[in-house]
Protein backbone atom coordinates (compact mmCIF):
# COMPACT_ATOMS: atom_id res chain seq x y z
CA UNK A 1 0.00 0.00 0.00
CA UNK A 2 1.11 3.54 -0.71
CA UNK A 3 0.56 6.59 1.43
CA UNK A 4 -1.24 9.54 -0.15
CA UNK A 5 -2.69 12.86 0.97
CA UNK A 6 -5.95 14.29 -0.29
CA UNK A 7 -6.68 17.97 0.40
CA UNK A 8 -10.31 19.02 0.87
CA UNK A 9 -11.93 22.43 0.58
CA UNK A 10 -15.43 23.90 0.56
CA UNK A 11 -16.87 27.41 0.57
CA UNK A 12 -20.52 26.82 -0.41
CA UNK A 13 -23.38 25.62 1.74
CA UNK A 14 -22.71 23.71 4.96
CA UNK A 15 -18.94 23.59 4.60
CA UNK A 16 -18.22 21.15 7.43
CA UNK A 17 -20.93 18.76 6.24
CA UNK A 18 -19.53 18.99 2.71
CA UNK A 19 -16.06 18.01 3.97
CA UNK A 20 -17.48 15.14 6.03
CA UNK A 21 -19.64 13.91 3.14
CA UNK A 22 -16.55 13.79 0.93
CA UNK A 23 -14.60 11.90 3.60
CA UNK A 24 -17.46 9.39 3.94
CA UNK A 25 -17.41 8.87 0.17
CA UNK A 26 -13.63 8.42 0.13
CA UNK A 27 -13.88 5.93 3.02
CA UNK A 28 -16.22 3.78 0.90
CA UNK A 29 -13.64 3.41 -1.90
CA UNK A 30 -12.47 -0.20 -2.00
CA UNK A 31 -8.77 0.56 -2.45
CA UNK A 32 -8.51 3.31 0.19
CA UNK A 33 -8.08 3.27 3.96
CA UNK A 34 -8.20 6.61 5.78
CA UNK A 35 -5.44 6.77 8.39
CA UNK A 36 -5.86 10.27 9.79
CA UNK A 37 -7.74 13.51 9.24
CA UNK A 38 -6.28 16.94 9.92
CA UNK A 39 -7.90 19.75 11.80
CA UNK A 40 -10.21 22.05 9.86
CA UNK A 41 -8.89 25.47 8.89
CA UNK A 42 -10.86 28.53 7.79
CA UNK A 43 -9.15 30.50 5.05
CA UNK A 44 -9.74 33.43 2.77
CA UNK A 45 -10.56 32.49 -0.83
CA UNK A 46 -7.69 32.92 -3.27
CA UNK A 47 -8.45 34.21 -6.75
CA UNK A 48 -12.23 34.16 -6.17
CA UNK A 49 -14.75 36.99 -6.34
CA UNK A 50 -14.57 39.42 -3.42
CA UNK A 51 -17.97 38.29 -2.09
CA UNK A 52 -17.01 34.59 -1.89
CA UNK A 53 -17.41 32.92 1.49
CA UNK A 54 -14.35 31.73 3.38
CA UNK A 55 -13.14 28.20 2.80
CA UNK A 56 -12.98 25.32 5.20
CA UNK A 57 -9.86 23.33 4.34
CA UNK A 58 -8.53 20.05 5.69
CA UNK A 59 -6.60 17.00 4.52
CA UNK A 60 -6.74 13.26 4.96
CA UNK A 61 -3.86 10.82 5.03
CA UNK A 62 -4.73 7.55 3.31
CA UNK A 63 -3.20 4.22 2.44
CA UNK A 64 -4.18 2.96 -0.98
CA UNK A 65 -3.63 0.27 -3.57
CA UNK A 66 -5.27 2.47 -6.21
CA UNK A 67 -3.00 4.03 -8.79
CA UNK A 68 -2.62 7.81 -8.56
CA UNK A 69 -4.71 8.23 -11.74
CA UNK A 70 -7.49 6.01 -10.40
CA UNK A 71 -7.49 7.77 -7.02
CA UNK A 72 -7.71 11.16 -8.73
CA UNK A 73 -10.52 9.91 -10.96
CA UNK A 74 -12.43 8.65 -7.94
CA UNK A 75 -12.00 12.04 -6.22
CA UNK A 76 -13.29 13.84 -9.32
CA UNK A 77 -16.27 11.47 -9.37
CA UNK A 78 -17.03 12.30 -5.73
CA UNK A 79 -16.87 16.03 -6.55
CA UNK A 80 -19.31 15.57 -9.43
CA UNK A 81 -21.67 13.42 -7.34
CA UNK A 82 -21.70 16.16 -4.69
CA UNK A 83 -22.70 18.76 -7.28
CA UNK A 84 -19.44 20.44 -8.21
CA UNK A 85 -19.57 22.10 -11.61
CA UNK A 86 -16.32 23.32 -13.14
CA UNK A 87 -17.09 26.40 -15.20
CA UNK A 88 -14.16 28.70 -14.42
CA UNK A 89 -10.91 28.68 -12.47
CA UNK A 90 -10.99 29.53 -8.74
CA UNK A 91 -14.77 29.68 -8.56
CA UNK A 92 -16.63 28.99 -5.29
CA UNK A 93 -17.23 25.28 -4.83
CA UNK A 94 -19.24 22.87 -2.76
CA UNK A 95 -16.22 20.56 -2.59
CA UNK A 96 -12.69 20.47 -3.91
CA UNK A 97 -10.63 17.29 -3.64
CA UNK A 98 -6.97 17.42 -4.66
CA UNK A 99 -4.53 14.54 -4.67
CA UNK A 100 -1.55 16.48 -3.37
CA UNK A 101 0.94 13.73 -2.51
CA UNK A 102 1.38 10.08 -3.42
CA UNK A 103 4.27 8.14 -1.92
CA UNK A 104 6.93 7.18 -4.46
CA UNK A 105 5.15 8.91 -7.33
CA UNK A 106 5.85 12.13 -9.22
CA UNK A 107 4.07 13.33 -12.32
CA UNK A 108 3.78 16.56 -14.22
CA UNK A 109 1.11 16.30 -16.88
CA UNK A 110 -2.13 17.98 -17.88
CA UNK A 111 -4.14 15.20 -16.26
CA UNK A 112 -2.16 14.74 -13.05
CA UNK A 113 0.57 16.70 -11.33
CA UNK A 114 1.84 15.21 -8.07
CA UNK A 115 3.05 16.66 -5.80
CA UNK A 116 0.37 19.28 -6.35
CA UNK A 117 2.02 22.23 -8.15
CA UNK A 118 0.95 24.92 -5.67
CA UNK A 119 1.50 23.17 -2.31
CA UNK A 120 4.51 25.33 -1.46
CA UNK A 121 2.57 28.54 -2.13
CA UNK A 122 -0.41 27.74 0.10
CA UNK A 123 -0.32 27.77 3.89
CA UNK A 124 -3.84 26.32 3.94
CA UNK A 125 -2.43 23.15 2.33
CA UNK A 126 0.80 23.00 4.32
CA UNK A 127 -0.82 23.58 7.75
CA UNK A 128 -2.76 20.29 7.58
CA UNK A 129 0.32 18.54 6.14
CA UNK A 130 2.30 19.62 9.19
CA UNK A 131 -0.12 17.64 11.37
CA UNK A 132 0.78 14.46 9.46
CA UNK A 133 4.47 15.28 9.03
CA UNK A 134 5.58 17.42 12.02
CA UNK A 135 9.18 17.61 10.77
CA UNK A 136 8.03 19.46 7.64
CA UNK A 137 9.13 16.51 5.46
CA UNK A 138 6.55 14.44 3.63
CA UNK A 139 7.40 11.63 1.21
CA UNK A 140 9.01 13.43 -1.73
CA UNK A 141 8.43 16.94 -0.36
CA UNK A 142 10.28 19.19 2.10
CA UNK A 143 7.70 21.86 2.87
CA UNK A 144 8.65 23.11 6.35
CA UNK A 145 10.85 26.04 5.25
CA UNK A 146 8.19 27.21 2.77
CA UNK A 147 5.50 27.26 5.47
CA UNK A 148 7.82 29.26 7.73
CA UNK A 149 8.58 31.69 4.88
CA UNK A 150 4.97 32.44 3.95
CA UNK A 151 3.62 32.16 7.49
CA UNK A 152 0.14 31.24 8.67
CA UNK A 153 -1.59 34.54 7.80
CA UNK A 154 -5.20 34.00 6.80
CA UNK A 155 -5.22 30.37 8.00
CA UNK A 156 -7.17 29.87 11.21
CA UNK A 157 -7.68 26.48 12.88
CA UNK A 158 -11.30 26.11 13.95
CA UNK A 159 -13.23 23.90 16.35
CA UNK A 160 -14.85 21.75 13.67
CA UNK A 161 -14.00 18.12 13.15
CA UNK A 162 -13.57 15.74 10.25
CA UNK A 163 -15.18 12.44 11.19
CA UNK A 164 -13.52 9.33 9.83
CA UNK A 165 -16.19 6.68 9.31
CA UNK A 166 -15.47 3.04 9.99
CA UNK A 167 -16.95 0.65 7.44
């Protein structure tokens, strides 16, 4: 089994329920076992309209036998099933699922780029990663110095919880 990290985000509707619904859907995937969920962070939207609601962001650490392409495809299917419509870049969304890391795998293509190309620019992605990898080193990624450089501005840990279902 390989270790992977999926980042989650939502800024439409009941954001915490959207995150938990996505985690429940991921937990039902046959080739995926959720190991740990991060805290939930509230963040300002980046590149969205000024009147967009704040995001709830989190991440889950999983073990999987699914290939990176299959895991990404399953995440995109969950987004679609939850009502996500992709019409323009950085638009508000009910759910956003990004495969950000996959142990022993690197790819840079139109379909799949892993590690995610903007991890090192986004504190709201690195803050949850730090919970899984407190040294600032994840498989194939040394992110600690980047998080220190950009700081935690605009990323606030909140008292909401991701619930990992047991099936």
